[in-house]
């Protein structure tokens, strides 16, 4: 198990008051550390072995855009608004290019660890910048570390990569980068674009010419909670992945689907999110010989949600799941009080006990979650040789 982390990744920082505060990753790493998750001998914690070179970045980003980021990072007053820089979402900051390259380097290091380093799993909690487009900054994302890492894997000869995005926002940047590439399947479960940024990710977005069926989108209604979300996951993701037969599973683990998140409208608990980590881990072993790369993503309740959710993620990947009833360690309480002057959550659970009702056992055509599931299955399953209606005899 490889955990990529470097204190320098805190430099990806848009400044005071911005929702994507680096303290959320720091707290997650500290909570995971306080549970002893980095102590087993099979766990290697440390920075990326080296920074990627610019040619790796240019596999997915336009050269003119990279130059615009460099200029803004030298002088934040010199921003290219047409490139999405200098906006409230992506304000410019000094050394923006270098900080963003650092995040990309960490995700490539995670990919390298799984592909050629002898590790089954790798995690980079500072990554997950899935909204960045080839020539455009968007949604708190300058460079798309996921796209960079997937392109690196393709260049190493990997033939089929599955990307699963559980962030509450559609993984639009990664989808755009590989929409026409049949070697990459992108699956995104998110709040519908009718009510949430970026306004994309509809079931009809199924992949470009020659890659039909490799873009899978489950657009969930606002208010979807643990049971509905897990039902949607189980009704779409395993079947799509089994049909695609990936060699590596790459997941974006944004935890902004939580009911306490201030920027979205789904209502999952930490307990429901933990169940999704278990499902992804299981699928990695069932389909990819255990090869699983996980990165962070969204999550804007900095104390009560992100540290607990991502500690459960690390624990699942390490193979040392934490009992949800466990109390959070006193050292974590002291750290939160010291840094933020507020209390920390007392336990690793929200007190929920999620369960999954199989879509194959029956569905309600008047239920909004079931409507979303069926819309996705009808759009993409036939392209994968699968039946959209579980009760169809054909």
Protein backbone atom coordinates (compact mmCIF):
# COMPACT_ATOMS: atom_id res chain seq x y z
CA UNK A 1 0.00 0.00 0.00
CA UNK A 2 1.46 3.35 -1.09
CA UNK A 3 0.26 6.62 0.45
CA UNK A 4 1.60 9.67 -1.36
CA UNK A 5 1.87 12.73 0.82
CA UNK A 6 4.14 15.72 1.11
CA UNK A 7 3.60 18.79 3.29
CA UNK A 8 4.38 20.86 0.17
CA UNK A 9 1.02 19.79 -1.26
CA UNK A 10 -0.48 22.27 1.18
CA UNK A 11 0.82 24.92 -1.22
CA UNK A 12 -2.16 24.22 -3.53
CA UNK A 13 -4.03 26.95 -1.68
CA UNK A 14 -6.42 29.55 -3.07
CA UNK A 15 -6.27 31.60 0.10
CA UNK A 16 -8.36 32.38 3.19
CA UNK A 17 -12.07 31.75 2.84
CA UNK A 18 -11.82 29.50 -0.21
CA UNK A 19 -13.76 26.21 0.23
CA UNK A 20 -10.88 24.03 -1.00
CA UNK A 21 -8.80 24.61 2.10
CA UNK A 22 -5.67 22.44 2.38
CA UNK A 23 -6.31 22.00 6.11
CA UNK A 24 -8.96 19.41 5.23
CA UNK A 25 -6.31 17.08 3.76
CA UNK A 26 -3.93 17.77 6.64
CA UNK A 27 -6.61 16.82 9.16
CA UNK A 28 -7.48 13.66 7.24
CA UNK A 29 -3.83 12.60 7.19
CA UNK A 30 -3.45 13.35 10.90
CA UNK A 31 -6.58 11.40 11.82
CA UNK A 32 -5.42 8.42 9.74
CA UNK A 33 -2.04 8.66 11.44
CA UNK A 34 -3.63 8.77 14.89
CA UNK A 35 -5.36 5.45 14.13
CA UNK A 36 -1.96 3.93 13.27
CA UNK A 37 -2.84 3.34 9.63
CA UNK A 38 0.64 4.22 8.38
CA UNK A 39 2.46 1.90 10.78
CA UNK A 40 2.07 -1.57 9.16
CA UNK A 41 5.19 -2.70 7.30
CA UNK A 42 3.31 -3.03 3.99
CA UNK A 43 2.38 0.68 4.06
CA UNK A 44 4.82 3.14 2.49
CA UNK A 45 4.11 6.80 3.27
CA UNK A 46 6.05 9.57 1.57
CA UNK A 47 6.26 12.13 -1.21
CA UNK A 48 6.35 11.50 -4.93
CA UNK A 49 9.75 10.19 -5.93
CA UNK A 50 10.13 12.99 -8.49
CA UNK A 51 8.20 15.77 -10.16
CA UNK A 52 6.68 14.99 -13.53
CA UNK A 53 8.10 16.83 -16.50
CA UNK A 54 6.04 19.21 -18.57
CA UNK A 55 5.64 16.76 -21.43
CA UNK A 56 3.58 14.54 -19.10
CA UNK A 57 1.34 17.48 -18.27
CA UNK A 58 0.95 18.31 -21.95
CA UNK A 59 -0.51 14.89 -22.63
CA UNK A 60 -3.85 16.28 -21.46
CA UNK A 61 -3.41 20.07 -21.17
CA UNK A 62 -2.94 22.63 -23.95
CA UNK A 63 0.46 24.34 -24.10
CA UNK A 64 -1.12 27.81 -24.25
CA UNK A 65 -3.11 27.07 -21.12
CA UNK A 66 -0.03 25.89 -19.23
CA UNK A 67 1.74 29.13 -20.18
CA UNK A 68 -1.25 31.12 -18.89
CA UNK A 69 -1.05 29.28 -15.55
CA UNK A 70 2.68 30.00 -15.32
CA UNK A 71 2.12 33.72 -15.95
CA UNK A 72 -0.62 33.91 -13.34
CA UNK A 73 1.59 32.10 -10.83
CA UNK A 74 4.36 34.65 -11.35
CA UNK A 75 2.02 37.64 -11.12
CA UNK A 76 -1.53 36.88 -9.88
CA UNK A 77 -2.72 40.18 -11.37
CA UNK A 78 -1.91 38.86 -14.86
CA UNK A 79 -4.72 36.34 -15.27
CA UNK A 80 -6.38 35.00 -18.37
CA UNK A 81 -10.07 35.10 -17.52
CA UNK A 82 -10.90 33.29 -20.75
CA UNK A 83 -8.90 30.35 -19.38
CA UNK A 84 -10.90 30.29 -16.13
CA UNK A 85 -8.09 31.87 -14.11
CA UNK A 86 -8.63 34.71 -11.65
CA UNK A 87 -12.27 33.79 -10.98
CA UNK A 88 -13.76 33.33 -7.48
CA UNK A 89 -13.58 29.58 -8.05
CA UNK A 90 -9.96 29.58 -9.28
CA UNK A 91 -8.20 32.71 -7.99
CA UNK A 92 -4.57 33.03 -8.99
CA UNK A 93 -1.85 32.57 -6.38
CA UNK A 94 1.93 32.71 -6.40
CA UNK A 95 3.61 29.52 -7.71
CA UNK A 96 0.25 28.17 -8.86
CA UNK A 97 1.91 26.21 -11.66
CA UNK A 98 4.43 24.56 -9.34
CA UNK A 99 1.82 23.72 -6.68
CA UNK A 100 -0.51 22.23 -9.28
CA UNK A 101 2.34 20.24 -10.81
CA UNK A 102 3.04 18.85 -7.33
CA UNK A 103 -0.49 17.47 -7.05
CA UNK A 104 -0.17 15.90 -10.51
CA UNK A 105 3.20 14.40 -9.59
CA UNK A 106 1.65 12.77 -6.51
CA UNK A 107 -1.12 11.16 -8.55
CA UNK A 108 1.37 9.91 -11.14
CA UNK A 109 3.46 8.52 -8.26
CA UNK A 110 0.37 6.66 -7.03
CA UNK A 111 -0.22 5.31 -10.53
CA UNK A 112 3.43 4.28 -10.86
CA UNK A 113 3.32 2.49 -7.49
CA UNK A 114 0.43 0.31 -8.65
CA UNK A 115 1.58 -0.19 -12.23
CA UNK A 116 5.25 -0.96 -11.69
CA UNK A 117 6.08 -0.52 -8.01
CA UNK A 118 4.65 -3.76 -6.68
CA UNK A 119 1.80 -2.17 -4.71
CA UNK A 120 -1.83 -3.29 -5.01
CA UNK A 121 -3.27 0.02 -3.80
CA UNK A 122 -2.18 3.66 -3.72
CA UNK A 123 -3.82 6.77 -2.30
CA UNK A 124 -3.25 10.50 -2.87
CA UNK A 125 -5.76 12.43 -0.77
CA UNK A 126 -4.53 15.77 -2.12
CA UNK A 127 -5.51 14.79 -5.65
CA UNK A 128 -8.86 14.51 -7.35
CA UNK A 129 -8.97 17.79 -9.32
CA UNK A 130 -11.48 16.40 -11.79
CA UNK A 131 -12.97 19.61 -13.21
CA UNK A 132 -9.87 20.98 -14.95
CA UNK A 133 -10.28 20.89 -18.73
CA UNK A 134 -7.51 20.66 -21.33
CA UNK A 135 -7.44 24.43 -21.74
CA UNK A 136 -9.56 25.72 -18.87
CA UNK A 137 -9.42 25.98 -15.09
CA UNK A 138 -12.73 25.15 -13.47
CA UNK A 139 -14.33 24.26 -10.15
CA UNK A 140 -11.26 24.81 -7.92
CA UNK A 141 -9.10 22.78 -10.34
CA UNK A 142 -6.07 24.12 -12.23
CA UNK A 143 -4.50 20.95 -13.65
CA UNK A 144 -6.33 17.64 -13.85
CA UNK A 145 -4.08 15.29 -11.88
CA UNK A 146 -6.40 12.37 -12.64
CA UNK A 147 -6.22 12.93 -16.39
CA UNK A 148 -2.44 13.30 -16.20
CA UNK A 149 -2.08 10.04 -14.26
CA UNK A 150 -4.44 8.09 -16.53
CA UNK A 151 -2.60 9.36 -19.62
CA UNK A 152 0.69 8.28 -18.02
CA UNK A 153 -0.72 4.78 -17.48
CA UNK A 154 -1.87 4.60 -21.09
CA UNK A 155 1.60 5.61 -22.23
CA UNK A 156 3.01 2.69 -20.23
CA UNK A 157 0.88 0.31 -22.25
CA UNK A 158 -2.12 -0.22 -19.97
CA UNK A 159 -4.97 -1.12 -22.30
CA UNK A 160 -8.12 -0.66 -20.17
CA UNK A 161 -8.51 1.75 -17.26
CA UNK A 162 -11.77 2.25 -15.37
CA UNK A 163 -12.34 5.57 -13.62
CA UNK A 164 -15.10 5.76 -11.01
CA UNK A 165 -15.99 9.19 -9.61
CA UNK A 166 -18.17 9.36 -6.48
CA UNK A 167 -17.83 13.11 -5.90
CA UNK A 168 -21.18 14.90 -5.65
CA UNK A 169 -20.18 16.92 -8.75
CA UNK A 170 -19.90 15.37 -12.20
CA UNK A 171 -16.36 14.37 -13.16
CA UNK A 172 -16.57 16.48 -16.30
CA UNK A 173 -12.88 17.18 -16.90
CA UNK A 174 -11.81 13.55 -16.84
CA UNK A 175 -14.76 12.56 -19.01
CA UNK A 176 -13.88 15.26 -21.55
CA UNK A 177 -10.25 14.17 -21.75
CA UNK A 178 -11.09 10.54 -22.55
CA UNK A 179 -14.53 10.80 -24.13
CA UNK A 180 -13.27 9.48 -27.46
CA UNK A 181 -10.81 6.94 -26.04
CA UNK A 182 -12.17 3.39 -25.82
CA UNK A 183 -9.33 2.42 -23.48
CA UNK A 184 -10.81 4.47 -20.63
CA UNK A 185 -14.22 3.98 -19.06
CA UNK A 186 -15.39 6.94 -16.95
CA UNK A 187 -18.24 6.35 -14.48
CA UNK A 188 -19.62 9.24 -12.46
CA UNK A 189 -22.33 9.15 -9.77
CA UNK A 190 -23.31 12.70 -8.91
CA UNK A 191 -26.11 15.12 -8.16
CA UNK A 192 -27.90 15.96 -11.38
CA UNK A 193 -26.57 18.86 -13.39
CA UNK A 194 -30.05 20.38 -13.29
CA UNK A 195 -29.39 21.48 -9.72
CA UNK A 196 -25.60 21.51 -9.32
CA UNK A 197 -22.35 22.61 -10.97
CA UNK A 198 -21.04 21.83 -13.56
CA UNK A 199 -24.41 21.23 -15.20
CA UNK A 200 -23.27 18.16 -17.13
CA UNK A 201 -23.18 14.40 -16.62
CA UNK A 202 -26.45 13.29 -18.12
CA UNK A 203 -27.12 9.64 -19.02
CA UNK A 204 -27.04 10.47 -22.74
CA UNK A 205 -23.32 11.32 -22.48
CA UNK A 206 -22.16 7.81 -23.41
CA UNK A 207 -18.82 8.32 -25.20
CA UNK A 208 -17.62 9.59 -28.56
CA UNK A 209 -17.35 7.80 -31.91
CA UNK A 210 -15.59 4.49 -31.45
CA UNK A 211 -15.90 4.76 -27.66
CA UNK A 212 -19.66 4.44 -27.22
CA UNK A 213 -20.53 2.92 -23.88
CA UNK A 214 -17.34 4.03 -22.11
CA UNK A 215 -18.89 7.13 -20.54
CA UNK A 216 -21.40 6.25 -17.83
CA UNK A 217 -23.31 8.89 -15.86
CA UNK A 218 -25.74 8.42 -12.99
CA UNK A 219 -27.41 11.80 -12.34
CA UNK A 220 -29.10 11.55 -8.93
CA UNK A 221 -31.86 13.80 -7.62
CA UNK A 222 -31.20 16.22 -4.75
CA UNK A 223 -31.85 14.63 -1.37
CA UNK A 224 -30.59 11.18 -2.35
CA UNK A 225 -29.28 9.48 0.79
CA UNK A 226 -27.26 6.39 1.66
CA UNK A 227 -29.72 3.72 0.57
CA UNK A 228 -30.65 5.35 -2.73
CA UNK A 229 -27.04 6.17 -3.59
CA UNK A 230 -25.81 2.66 -2.80
CA UNK A 231 -28.71 1.20 -4.77
CA UNK A 232 -27.68 3.30 -7.78
CA UNK A 233 -24.05 2.25 -7.40
CA UNK A 234 -24.88 -1.43 -7.24
CA UNK A 235 -27.34 -1.19 -10.14
CA UNK A 236 -24.80 0.32 -12.54
CA UNK A 237 -21.15 0.19 -11.53
CA UNK A 238 -20.36 -3.53 -11.10
CA UNK A 239 -22.11 -4.51 -14.33
CA UNK A 240 -20.47 -1.77 -16.37
CA UNK A 241 -17.03 -2.60 -15.00
CA UNK A 242 -17.49 -6.32 -15.57
CA UNK A 243 -18.41 -5.65 -19.20
CA UNK A 244 -15.40 -3.36 -19.70
CA UNK A 245 -12.88 -5.68 -17.98
CA UNK A 246 -10.45 -3.03 -16.66
CA UNK A 247 -6.87 -3.77 -15.74
CA UNK A 248 -6.68 -0.91 -13.23
CA UNK A 249 -9.38 0.83 -11.17
CA UNK A 250 -8.87 4.57 -10.59
CA UNK A 251 -11.34 6.27 -8.24
CA UNK A 252 -12.03 9.85 -7.23
CA UNK A 253 -13.31 9.90 -3.66
CA UNK A 254 -14.89 13.31 -3.15
CA UNK A 255 -16.95 13.19 0.05
CA UNK A 256 -19.10 16.24 -0.65
CA UNK A 257 -22.12 13.96 -1.02
CA UNK A 258 -22.44 14.17 2.78
CA UNK A 259 -25.54 15.78 4.29
CA UNK A 260 -23.39 18.37 6.08
CA UNK A 261 -21.56 19.54 2.96
CA UNK A 262 -22.33 23.22 2.30
CA UNK A 263 -22.01 23.13 -1.49
CA UNK A 264 -24.40 20.36 -2.59
CA UNK A 265 -27.68 18.63 -1.86
CA UNK A 266 -27.19 14.89 -1.41
CA UNK A 267 -27.63 13.46 2.07
CA UNK A 268 -25.18 10.61 2.53
CA UNK A 269 -23.59 9.83 5.88
CA UNK A 270 -20.00 8.88 6.60
CA UNK A 271 -21.38 5.37 7.07
CA UNK A 272 -22.82 5.29 3.55
CA UNK A 273 -19.60 6.65 2.12
CA UNK A 274 -17.67 3.95 3.97
CA UNK A 275 -19.84 1.32 2.28
CA UNK A 276 -18.88 2.76 -1.11
CA UNK A 277 -15.18 2.39 -0.25
CA UNK A 278 -15.77 -1.25 0.62
CA UNK A 279 -17.55 -1.79 -2.70
CA UNK A 280 -14.76 -0.20 -4.74
CA UNK A 281 -12.10 -2.18 -2.89
CA UNK A 282 -13.99 -5.39 -3.54
CA UNK A 283 -14.40 -4.58 -7.24
CA UNK A 284 -10.69 -3.84 -7.57
CA UNK A 285 -9.88 -7.33 -6.34
CA UNK A 286 -12.63 -9.01 -8.33
CA UNK A 287 -11.79 -7.37 -11.64
CA UNK A 288 -8.30 -5.81 -11.56
CA UNK A 289 -6.13 -8.15 -9.47
CA UNK A 290 -6.42 -5.60 -6.68
CA UNK A 291 -4.93 -2.71 -8.66
CA UNK A 292 -6.65 0.34 -7.18
CA UNK A 293 -5.58 3.99 -7.25
CA UNK A 294 -7.68 6.37 -5.13
CA UNK A 295 -7.46 10.15 -4.96
CA UNK A 296 -9.33 12.74 -2.93
CA UNK A 297 -11.60 15.38 -4.41
CA UNK A 298 -14.40 17.54 -3.07
CA UNK A 299 -15.50 17.81 0.53
CA UNK A 300 -16.03 21.15 2.24
CA UNK A 301 -17.08 20.32 5.79
CA UNK A 302 -13.48 20.46 6.92
CA UNK A 303 -13.64 18.87 10.37
CA UNK A 304 -16.73 16.73 10.82
CA UNK A 305 -16.75 15.05 7.41
CA UNK A 306 -13.55 15.06 5.34
CA UNK A 307 -11.13 13.69 7.97
CA UNK A 308 -13.46 10.87 9.02
CA UNK A 309 -14.50 9.91 5.49
CA UNK A 310 -10.99 9.80 4.10
CA UNK A 311 -9.61 8.03 7.17
CA UNK A 312 -12.15 5.29 6.50
CA UNK A 313 -10.95 5.27 2.88
CA UNK A 314 -7.30 4.87 3.88
CA UNK A 315 -8.24 2.20 6.43
CA UNK A 316 -10.12 0.24 3.77
CA UNK A 317 -7.21 0.46 1.34
CA UNK A 318 -4.67 -0.49 4.02
CA UNK A 319 -6.76 -3.52 4.97
CA UNK A 320 -7.43 -2.35 8.51
CA UNK A 321 -11.05 -1.13 8.55
CA UNK A 322 -12.01 1.04 11.50
CA UNK A 323 -15.08 0.11 13.52
CA UNK A 324 -17.50 2.99 12.89
CA UNK A 325 -18.33 3.06 16.60
CA UNK A 326 -14.71 3.91 17.42
CA UNK A 327 -14.08 7.15 19.24
CA UNK A 328 -11.89 9.68 17.50
CA UNK A 329 -8.51 9.86 19.29
CA UNK A 330 -7.79 12.56 21.84
CA UNK A 331 -4.74 13.65 19.83
CA UNK A 332 -7.07 14.55 16.95
CA UNK A 333 -9.35 16.54 19.25
CA UNK A 334 -6.35 18.47 20.53
CA UNK A 335 -5.14 19.19 17.00
CA UNK A 336 -8.52 20.48 15.81
CA UNK A 337 -8.82 22.70 18.88
CA UNK A 338 -5.30 24.04 18.34
CA UNK A 339 -5.69 24.74 14.63
CA UNK A 340 -9.33 25.76 14.35
CA UNK A 341 -10.60 26.41 17.86
CA UNK A 342 -13.63 24.15 17.46
CA UNK A 343 -14.59 20.67 18.66
CA UNK A 344 -13.89 17.53 16.66
CA UNK A 345 -16.47 14.81 16.04
CA UNK A 346 -16.57 12.24 18.82
CA UNK A 347 -16.90 9.06 16.79
CA UNK A 348 -16.17 7.64 13.35
CA UNK A 349 -19.87 7.14 12.58
CA UNK A 350 -22.94 9.27 11.94
CA UNK A 351 -25.02 6.53 13.52
CA UNK A 352 -26.46 5.25 10.25
CA UNK A 353 -26.80 1.64 9.14
CA UNK A 354 -27.09 1.76 5.34
CA UNK A 355 -28.53 -1.11 3.39
CA UNK A 356 -28.90 -1.87 -0.30
CA UNK A 357 -32.11 -3.01 -1.97
CA UNK A 358 -31.12 -4.65 -5.23
CA UNK A 359 -32.43 -3.07 -8.40
CA UNK A 360 -32.85 -6.57 -9.79
CA UNK A 361 -35.36 -7.36 -7.05
CA UNK A 362 -37.75 -4.78 -8.45
CA UNK A 363 -37.93 -1.07 -9.15
CA UNK A 364 -40.47 1.70 -8.81
CA UNK A 365 -40.92 3.68 -12.04
CA UNK A 366 -42.30 6.60 -10.00
CA UNK A 367 -39.28 6.78 -7.70
CA UNK A 368 -36.82 9.54 -8.71
CA UNK A 369 -33.72 7.49 -7.85
CA UNK A 370 -35.00 4.49 -9.77
CA UNK A 371 -35.78 6.79 -12.70
CA UNK A 372 -32.17 7.99 -12.66
CA UNK A 373 -30.86 4.42 -12.53
CA UNK A 374 -33.05 3.25 -15.38
CA UNK A 375 -32.15 6.27 -17.52
CA UNK A 376 -28.47 5.38 -17.20
CA UNK A 377 -29.00 1.70 -17.86
CA UNK A 378 -31.18 2.39 -20.90
CA UNK A 379 -28.60 4.80 -22.33
CA UNK A 380 -25.44 2.78 -21.87
CA UNK A 381 -26.13 -0.86 -21.02
CA UNK A 382 -27.12 -1.91 -24.56
CA UNK A 383 -23.81 -0.45 -25.80
CA UNK A 384 -22.05 -2.79 -23.39
CA UNK A 385 -24.09 -5.83 -24.36
CA UNK A 386 -26.15 -5.65 -21.15
CA UNK A 387 -29.89 -5.60 -20.49
CA UNK A 388 -31.19 -2.25 -19.23
CA UNK A 389 -34.35 -3.73 -17.74
CA UNK A 390 -33.41 -6.47 -15.27
CA UNK A 391 -36.67 -8.25 -16.03
CA UNK A 392 -36.24 -8.29 -19.79
CA UNK A 393 -36.20 -11.83 -21.22
CA UNK A 394 -34.06 -10.68 -24.16
